[in-house]
Amino acid sequence: MISKTFLTGCDDKTEWQLPWFITNLRQHTDTTLLVANFGMSQDMLDSLQHVDDVHYFDLNSKAENWFKKPAAMLEASKMGYDKVCWLDTDCEVVCPDIETVFNWTEPNKLGMVEDRPWTNRRGDMGIWHNSGVVVFEGSPNILKDWDRECTFRPIRGDQETLYAMIGGDEIKRMSIIRSIPNKYNTLRLDYIDNIASKRPCVIHHTGQKGKETIKRKIKNV
């Protein structure tokens, strides 16, 4: 049987989203969740010990903040899972089909959704892919390269760093990234651009406006 896990990570500044994230995930799947400790509070770490099938691990990485994401994915790949799916904590899982994301892995590639709003707005070097949801199998070499760049030559964010690594080389992009359906990472800007998936599995509440939406959702629970 193929072993699989979901993965996320946060620090003490973003951990407020984690209970909400876990609640949404658990409504649709009981697959194990790994949580990378990017610098969470002790109270949050203690609370995770009482949640079924949720396990946190400390991350030894010299990268800063969200640049730790590729390192967390690499670490998860060493834990014996055949397939791993990273989800940002501002991602809202909204349907059981989230399990089918594991069907979209391909050896030596990262499965990611095209960030169509950024491709349209900032695609001077070709197609963007959003790093809020990343699914993969094994330990693709691109993860090691991405982690190294995020640690020593970060550019604004982990997604921007990956985009710069590709550098507009379409052949390189296709060799390391497999585009997966947009329903697995339906972005806040997709709704603004009227291109959102009609049946999303994940709604990604990006940016400050996304955080405000999450806070309203938490308040109304």
C-alpha atoms as a PDB file:
ATOM      1  CA  MET A   1       0.000   0.000   0.000  1.00  0.00           C
ATOM      2  CA  ILE A   2       1.253   3.479  -0.866  1.00  0.00           C
ATOM      3  CA  SER A   3       1.859   5.575   2.241  1.00  0.00           C
ATOM      4  CA  LYS A   4       0.959   9.246   2.033  1.00  0.00           C
ATOM      5  CA  THR A   5       0.772  12.308   4.212  1.00  0.00           C
ATOM      6  CA  PHE A   6      -0.314  15.903   4.116  1.00  0.00           C
ATOM      7  CA  LEU A   7       2.237  18.465   5.297  1.00  0.00           C
ATOM      8  CA  THR A   8       2.105  22.043   6.473  1.00  0.00           C
ATOM      9  CA  GLY A   9       4.241  24.370   8.548  1.00  0.00           C
ATOM     10  CA  CYS A  10       4.039  27.612  10.492  1.00  0.00           C
ATOM     11  CA  ASP A  11       5.702  29.835  13.072  1.00  0.00           C
ATOM     12  CA  ASP A  12       4.309  31.783  16.019  1.00  0.00           C
ATOM     13  CA  LYS A  13       3.074  34.549  13.697  1.00  0.00           C
ATOM     14  CA  THR A  14       0.933  32.306  11.499  1.00  0.00           C
ATOM     15  CA  GLU A  15       0.026  29.492  13.904  1.00  0.00           C
ATOM     16  CA  TRP A  16      -3.323  31.150  14.621  1.00  0.00           C
ATOM     17  CA  GLN A  17      -4.484  29.687  11.293  1.00  0.00           C
ATOM     18  CA  LEU A  18      -3.448  26.128  12.172  1.00  0.00           C
ATOM     19  CA  PRO A  19      -6.449  24.950  14.259  1.00  0.00           C
ATOM     20  CA  TRP A  20      -8.803  26.266  11.570  1.00  0.00           C
ATOM     21  CA  PHE A  21      -6.732  24.567   8.879  1.00  0.00           C
ATOM     22  CA  ILE A  22      -6.724  21.225  10.721  1.00  0.00           C
ATOM     23  CA  THR A  23     -10.466  21.372  11.383  1.00  0.00           C
ATOM     24  CA  ASN A  24     -11.190  21.861   7.666  1.00  0.00           C
ATOM     25  CA  LEU A  25      -8.756  19.128   6.636  1.00  0.00           C
ATOM     26  CA  ARG A  26     -10.205  16.635   9.112  1.00  0.00           C
ATOM     27  CA  GLN A  27     -13.734  17.189   7.812  1.00  0.00           C
ATOM     28  CA  HIS A  28     -12.657  15.632   4.509  1.00  0.00           C
ATOM     29  CA  THR A  29      -9.785  13.215   5.185  1.00  0.00           C
ATOM     30  CA  ASP A  30      -8.198  11.265   8.006  1.00  0.00           C
ATOM     31  CA  THR A  31      -4.829  10.943   6.260  1.00  0.00           C
ATOM     32  CA  THR A  32      -1.909  11.776   8.529  1.00  0.00           C
ATOM     33  CA  LEU A  33      -0.861  15.425   8.800  1.00  0.00           C
ATOM     34  CA  LEU A  34       2.723  16.446   9.483  1.00  0.00           C
ATOM     35  CA  VAL A  35       3.365  19.946  10.816  1.00  0.00           C
ATOM     36  CA  ALA A  36       6.821  21.459  10.388  1.00  0.00           C
ATOM     37  CA  ASN A  37       7.788  23.657  13.302  1.00  0.00           C
ATOM     38  CA  PHE A  38       9.041  26.914  11.811  1.00  0.00           C
ATOM     39  CA  GLY A  39       9.082  28.494  15.284  1.00  0.00           C
ATOM     40  CA  MET A  40       5.687  27.801  16.839  1.00  0.00           C
ATOM     41  CA  SER A  41       4.846  28.681  20.427  1.00  0.00           C
ATOM     42  CA  GLN A  42       5.137  25.984  23.069  1.00  0.00           C
ATOM     43  CA  ASP A  43       1.399  26.237  23.725  1.00  0.00           C
ATOM     44  CA  MET A  44       0.639  25.373  20.117  1.00  0.00           C
ATOM     45  CA  LEU A  45       3.143  22.507  20.096  1.00  0.00           C
ATOM     46  CA  ASP A  46       1.598  21.123  23.280  1.00  0.00           C
ATOM     47  CA  SER A  47      -1.902  21.325  21.808  1.00  0.00           C
ATOM     48  CA  LEU A  48      -0.867  19.331  18.730  1.00  0.00           C
ATOM     49  CA  GLN A  49       0.093  16.384  20.906  1.00  0.00           C
ATOM     50  CA  HIS A  50      -3.586  15.806  21.643  1.00  0.00           C
ATOM     51  CA  VAL A  51      -4.795  15.759  18.021  1.00  0.00           C
ATOM     52  CA  ASP A  52      -5.177  12.343  16.373  1.00  0.00           C
ATOM     53  CA  ASP A  53      -2.938  11.624  13.365  1.00  0.00           C
ATOM     54  CA  VAL A  54      -1.229  15.013  13.586  1.00  0.00           C
ATOM     55  CA  HIS A  55       2.507  14.993  14.237  1.00  0.00           C
ATOM     56  CA  TYR A  56       4.896  17.914  14.378  1.00  0.00           C
ATOM     57  CA  PHE A  57       8.625  17.889  13.827  1.00  0.00           C
ATOM     58  CA  ASP A  58      11.349  20.440  14.437  1.00  0.00           C
ATOM     59  CA  LEU A  59      13.093  21.634  11.324  1.00  0.00           C
ATOM     60  CA  ASN A  60      16.831  22.186  11.139  1.00  0.00           C
ATOM     61  CA  SER A  61      17.085  24.812   8.418  1.00  0.00           C
ATOM     62  CA  LYS A  62      19.083  28.011   7.967  1.00  0.00           C
ATOM     63  CA  ALA A  63      16.362  29.459   5.739  1.00  0.00           C
ATOM     64  CA  GLU A  64      14.092  32.193   7.073  1.00  0.00           C
ATOM     65  CA  ASN A  65      10.332  32.054   7.604  1.00  0.00           C
ATOM     66  CA  TRP A  66       8.424  30.670   4.587  1.00  0.00           C
ATOM     67  CA  PHE A  67      11.684  29.957   2.805  1.00  0.00           C
ATOM     68  CA  LYS A  68      11.816  26.861   5.043  1.00  0.00           C
ATOM     69  CA  LYS A  69       9.061  25.228   2.980  1.00  0.00           C
ATOM     70  CA  PRO A  70      11.281  23.212   0.593  1.00  0.00           C
ATOM     71  CA  ALA A  71      13.354  22.033   3.577  1.00  0.00           C
ATOM     72  CA  ALA A  72      10.168  20.821   5.272  1.00  0.00           C
ATOM     73  CA  MET A  73       9.184  18.910   2.139  1.00  0.00           C
ATOM     74  CA  LEU A  74      12.616  17.311   1.960  1.00  0.00           C
ATOM     75  CA  GLU A  75      12.416  16.286   5.606  1.00  0.00           C
ATOM     76  CA  ALA A  76       8.960  14.756   5.132  1.00  0.00           C
ATOM     77  CA  SER A  77      10.244  12.756   2.174  1.00  0.00           C
ATOM     78  CA  LYS A  78      12.792  11.117   4.506  1.00  0.00           C
ATOM     79  CA  MET A  79      10.136   9.892   6.937  1.00  0.00           C
ATOM     80  CA  GLY A  80       9.071   6.889   4.890  1.00  0.00           C
ATOM     81  CA  TYR A  81       6.056   8.330   3.086  1.00  0.00           C
ATOM     82  CA  ASP A  82       5.778   7.481  -0.603  1.00  0.00           C
ATOM     83  CA  LYS A  83       3.782  10.622  -1.418  1.00  0.00           C
ATOM     84  CA  VAL A  84       3.594  14.006   0.287  1.00  0.00           C
ATOM     85  CA  CYS A  85       1.246  16.943  -0.276  1.00  0.00           C
ATOM     86  CA  TRP A  86       2.223  20.320   1.139  1.00  0.00           C
ATOM     87  CA  LEU A  87      -0.638  22.715   1.981  1.00  0.00           C
ATOM     88  CA  ASP A  88      -0.185  26.295   3.224  1.00  0.00           C
ATOM     89  CA  THR A  89      -2.117  27.026   6.422  1.00  0.00           C
ATOM     90  CA  ASP A  90      -4.167  29.654   4.560  1.00  0.00           C
ATOM     91  CA  CYS A  91      -5.561  26.875   2.359  1.00  0.00           C
ATOM     92  CA  GLU A  92      -9.133  25.832   3.135  1.00  0.00           C
ATOM     93  CA  VAL A  93      -9.850  22.201   2.247  1.00  0.00           C
ATOM     94  CA  VAL A  94     -13.486  22.082   1.158  1.00  0.00           C
ATOM     95  CA  CYS A  95     -14.170  18.625  -0.325  1.00  0.00           C
ATOM     96  CA  PRO A  96     -13.220  14.936   0.057  1.00  0.00           C
ATOM     97  CA  ASP A  97     -11.663  14.946  -3.413  1.00  0.00           C
ATOM     98  CA  ILE A  98      -8.538  16.373  -1.794  1.00  0.00           C
ATOM     99  CA  GLU A  99      -7.366  12.754  -1.480  1.00  0.00           C
ATOM    100  CA  THR A 100      -7.168  12.477  -5.266  1.00  0.00           C
ATOM    101  CA  VAL A 101      -4.346  15.026  -5.325  1.00  0.00           C
ATOM    102  CA  PHE A 102      -1.978  12.133  -4.622  1.00  0.00           C
ATOM    103  CA  ASN A 103      -2.901  10.651  -8.012  1.00  0.00           C
ATOM    104  CA  TRP A 104      -1.125  13.547  -9.732  1.00  0.00           C
ATOM    105  CA  THR A 105       2.446  12.830  -8.686  1.00  0.00           C
ATOM    106  CA  GLU A 106       5.094  12.121 -11.285  1.00  0.00           C
ATOM    107  CA  PRO A 107       8.665  10.942 -10.596  1.00  0.00           C
ATOM    108  CA  ASN A 108      11.202  13.741 -10.202  1.00  0.00           C
ATOM    109  CA  LYS A 109       8.570  16.474 -10.533  1.00  0.00           C
ATOM    110  CA  LEU A 110       6.561  18.776  -8.292  1.00  0.00           C
ATOM    111  CA  GLY A 111       2.821  18.733  -8.887  1.00  0.00           C
ATOM    112  CA  MET A 112       1.582  22.334  -8.733  1.00  0.00           C
ATOM    113  CA  VAL A 113      -1.338  24.420  -9.976  1.00  0.00           C
ATOM    114  CA  GLU A 114      -0.640  27.204 -12.440  1.00  0.00           C
ATOM    115  CA  ASP A 115      -0.986  30.595 -10.785  1.00  0.00           C
ATOM    116  CA  ARG A 116      -3.006  32.056 -13.641  1.00  0.00           C
ATOM    117  CA  PRO A 117      -3.489  35.507 -12.067  1.00  0.00           C
ATOM    118  CA  TRP A 118       0.282  35.898 -11.683  1.00  0.00           C
ATOM    119  CA  THR A 119       0.949  34.465 -15.136  1.00  0.00           C
ATOM    120  CA  ASN A 120      -1.404  37.127 -16.521  1.00  0.00           C
ATOM    121  CA  ARG A 121      -0.053  39.957 -14.382  1.00  0.00           C
ATOM    122  CA  ARG A 122       3.637  39.148 -14.004  1.00  0.00           C
ATOM    123  CA  GLY A 123       4.435  36.460 -16.537  1.00  0.00           C
ATOM    124  CA  ASP A 124       7.338  38.180 -18.262  1.00  0.00           C
ATOM    125  CA  MET A 125       9.302  34.921 -17.852  1.00  0.00           C
ATOM    126  CA  GLY A 126       6.473  32.543 -18.641  1.00  0.00           C
ATOM    127  CA  ILE A 127       4.073  30.503 -16.543  1.00  0.00           C
ATOM    128  CA  TRP A 128       3.909  30.843 -12.759  1.00  0.00           C
ATOM    129  CA  HIS A 129       2.979  27.977 -10.442  1.00  0.00           C
ATOM    130  CA  ASN A 130       1.560  28.578  -6.983  1.00  0.00           C
ATOM    131  CA  SER A 131       3.476  26.969  -4.126  1.00  0.00           C
ATOM    132  CA  GLY A 132       0.551  26.861  -1.697  1.00  0.00           C
ATOM    133  CA  VAL A 133      -0.155  23.263  -2.735  1.00  0.00           C
ATOM    134  CA  VAL A 134       2.715  21.005  -3.828  1.00  0.00           C
ATOM    135  CA  VAL A 135       2.407  17.224  -4.251  1.00  0.00           C
ATOM    136  CA  PHE A 136       5.319  14.920  -4.982  1.00  0.00           C
ATOM    137  CA  GLU A 137       6.645  11.396  -4.606  1.00  0.00           C
ATOM    138  CA  GLY A 138      10.045  10.327  -3.370  1.00  0.00           C
ATOM    139  CA  SER A 139      12.648  13.076  -3.105  1.00  0.00           C
ATOM    140  CA  PRO A 140      12.861  15.033  -6.377  1.00  0.00           C
ATOM    141  CA  ASN A 141      16.186  16.734  -7.036  1.00  0.00           C
ATOM    142  CA  ILE A 142      14.372  20.010  -7.597  1.00  0.00           C
ATOM    143  CA  LEU A 143      13.480  20.076  -3.898  1.00  0.00           C
ATOM    144  CA  LYS A 144      17.168  20.102  -2.961  1.00  0.00           C
ATOM    145  CA  ASP A 145      17.910  22.841  -5.485  1.00  0.00           C
ATOM    146  CA  TRP A 146      14.904  24.884  -4.361  1.00  0.00           C
ATOM    147  CA  ASP A 147      15.877  24.531  -0.701  1.00  0.00           C
ATOM    148  CA  ARG A 148      19.426  25.688  -1.468  1.00  0.00           C
ATOM    149  CA  GLU A 149      18.188  28.757  -3.340  1.00  0.00           C
ATOM    150  CA  CYS A 150      15.670  29.603  -0.595  1.00  0.00           C
ATOM    151  CA  THR A 151      18.439  29.351   1.981  1.00  0.00           C
ATOM    152  CA  PHE A 152      21.237  31.246   0.259  1.00  0.00           C
ATOM    153  CA  ARG A 153      19.621  33.294  -2.539  1.00  0.00           C
ATOM    154  CA  PRO A 154      15.981  33.905  -1.568  1.00  0.00           C
ATOM    155  CA  ILE A 155      13.875  36.245  -3.706  1.00  0.00           C
ATOM    156  CA  ARG A 156      10.876  37.829  -1.982  1.00  0.00           C
ATOM    157  CA  GLY A 157       9.118  34.467  -1.390  1.00  0.00           C
ATOM    158  CA  ASP A 158       9.599  30.765  -2.011  1.00  0.00           C
ATOM    159  CA  GLN A 159       7.335  30.905  -5.070  1.00  0.00           C
ATOM    160  CA  GLU A 160       9.287  33.793  -6.555  1.00  0.00           C
ATOM    161  CA  THR A 161      12.536  31.955  -5.868  1.00  0.00           C
ATOM    162  CA  LEU A 162      11.348  28.908  -7.802  1.00  0.00           C
ATOM    163  CA  TYR A 163      10.183  31.111 -10.664  1.00  0.00           C
ATOM    164  CA  ALA A 164      13.601  32.783 -10.827  1.00  0.00           C
ATOM    165  CA  MET A 165      15.294  29.381 -10.831  1.00  0.00           C
ATOM    166  CA  ILE A 166      13.320  28.398 -13.933  1.00  0.00           C
ATOM    167  CA  GLY A 167      14.222  31.739 -15.508  1.00  0.00           C
ATOM    168  CA  GLY A 168      11.749  31.506 -18.374  1.00  0.00           C
ATOM    169  CA  ASP A 169      13.177  28.190 -19.605  1.00  0.00           C
ATOM    170  CA  GLU A 170      10.048  26.324 -20.707  1.00  0.00           C
ATOM    171  CA  ILE A 171      11.862  23.021 -21.145  1.00  0.00           C
ATOM    172  CA  LYS A 172      13.281  23.258 -17.625  1.00  0.00           C
ATOM    173  CA  ARG A 173       9.866  24.139 -16.207  1.00  0.00           C
ATOM    174  CA  MET A 174       8.253  21.138 -17.848  1.00  0.00           C
ATOM    175  CA  SER A 175      11.035  18.872 -16.610  1.00  0.00           C
ATOM    176  CA  ILE A 176      10.532  19.756 -12.937  1.00  0.00           C
ATOM    177  CA  ILE A 177       6.864  20.749 -12.614  1.00  0.00           C
ATOM    178  CA  ARG A 178       3.705  18.873 -13.501  1.00  0.00           C
ATOM    179  CA  SER A 179       0.695  21.152 -13.821  1.00  0.00           C
ATOM    180  CA  ILE A 180      -2.251  19.748 -11.871  1.00  0.00           C
ATOM    181  CA  PRO A 181      -5.932  20.802 -12.033  1.00  0.00           C
ATOM    182  CA  ASN A 182      -6.813  24.202 -10.630  1.00  0.00           C
ATOM    183  CA  LYS A 183      -9.379  22.701  -8.275  1.00  0.00           C
ATOM    184  CA  TYR A 184      -6.525  21.642  -6.000  1.00  0.00           C
ATOM    185  CA  ASN A 185      -5.476  25.246  -5.403  1.00  0.00           C
ATOM    186  CA  THR A 186      -8.196  27.738  -6.276  1.00  0.00           C
ATOM    187  CA  LEU A 187      -6.799  31.166  -5.520  1.00  0.00           C
ATOM    188  CA  ARG A 188      -8.459  34.243  -4.079  1.00  0.00           C
ATOM    189  CA  LEU A 189      -7.533  36.128  -7.242  1.00  0.00           C
ATOM    190  CA  ASP A 190      -9.138  33.389  -9.364  1.00  0.00           C
ATOM    191  CA  TYR A 191     -12.491  34.556  -7.996  1.00  0.00           C
ATOM    192  CA  ILE A 192     -11.669  38.185  -8.752  1.00  0.00           C
ATOM    193  CA  ASP A 193     -10.701  37.200 -12.310  1.00  0.00           C
ATOM    194  CA  ASN A 194     -13.794  34.983 -12.711  1.00  0.00           C
ATOM    195  CA  ILE A 195     -11.691  31.905 -13.504  1.00  0.00           C
ATOM    196  CA  ALA A 196     -12.192  29.962 -10.262  1.00  0.00           C
ATOM    197  CA  SER A 197     -12.851  26.236 -10.333  1.00  0.00           C
ATOM    198  CA  LYS A 198     -16.561  25.471 -10.047  1.00  0.00           C
ATOM    199  CA  ARG A 199     -15.848  22.582  -7.679  1.00  0.00           C
ATOM    200  CA  PRO A 200     -12.686  23.458  -5.759  1.00  0.00           C
ATOM    201  CA  CYS A 201     -10.970  21.022  -3.425  1.00  0.00           C
ATOM    202  CA  VAL A 202      -8.890  23.787  -1.869  1.00  0.00           C
ATOM    203  CA  ILE A 203      -9.595  27.503  -1.635  1.00  0.00           C
ATOM    204  CA  HIS A 204      -6.374  29.404  -1.056  1.00  0.00           C
ATOM    205  CA  HIS A 205      -6.943  32.630   0.893  1.00  0.00           C
ATOM    206  CA  THR A 206      -3.806  34.479  -0.183  1.00  0.00           C
ATOM    207  CA  GLY A 207      -2.441  37.804   1.036  1.00  0.00           C
ATOM    208  CA  GLN A 208      -3.695  40.184   3.693  1.00  0.00           C
ATOM    209  CA  LYS A 209      -7.234  40.113   2.337  1.00  0.00           C
ATOM    210  CA  GLY A 210      -7.143  36.348   2.563  1.00  0.00           C
ATOM    211  CA  LYS A 211      -6.103  36.544   6.213  1.00  0.00           C
ATOM    212  CA  GLU A 212      -9.035  38.841   6.903  1.00  0.00           C
ATOM    213  CA  THR A 213     -11.366  36.269   5.318  1.00  0.00           C
ATOM    214  CA  ILE A 214      -9.909  33.506   7.493  1.00  0.00           C
ATOM    215  CA  LYS A 215     -10.372  35.591  10.625  1.00  0.00           C
ATOM    216  CA  ARG A 216     -14.030  36.133   9.745  1.00  0.00           C
ATOM    217  CA  LYS A 217     -14.496  32.409   9.141  1.00  0.00           C
ATOM    218  CA  ILE A 218     -12.889  31.560  12.492  1.00  0.00           C
ATOM    219  CA  LYS A 219     -15.059  34.122  14.267  1.00  0.00           C
ATOM    220  CA  ASN A 220     -18.245  32.743  12.707  1.00  0.00           C
ATOM    221  CA  VAL A 221     -17.588  29.083  13.599  1.00  0.00           C
END
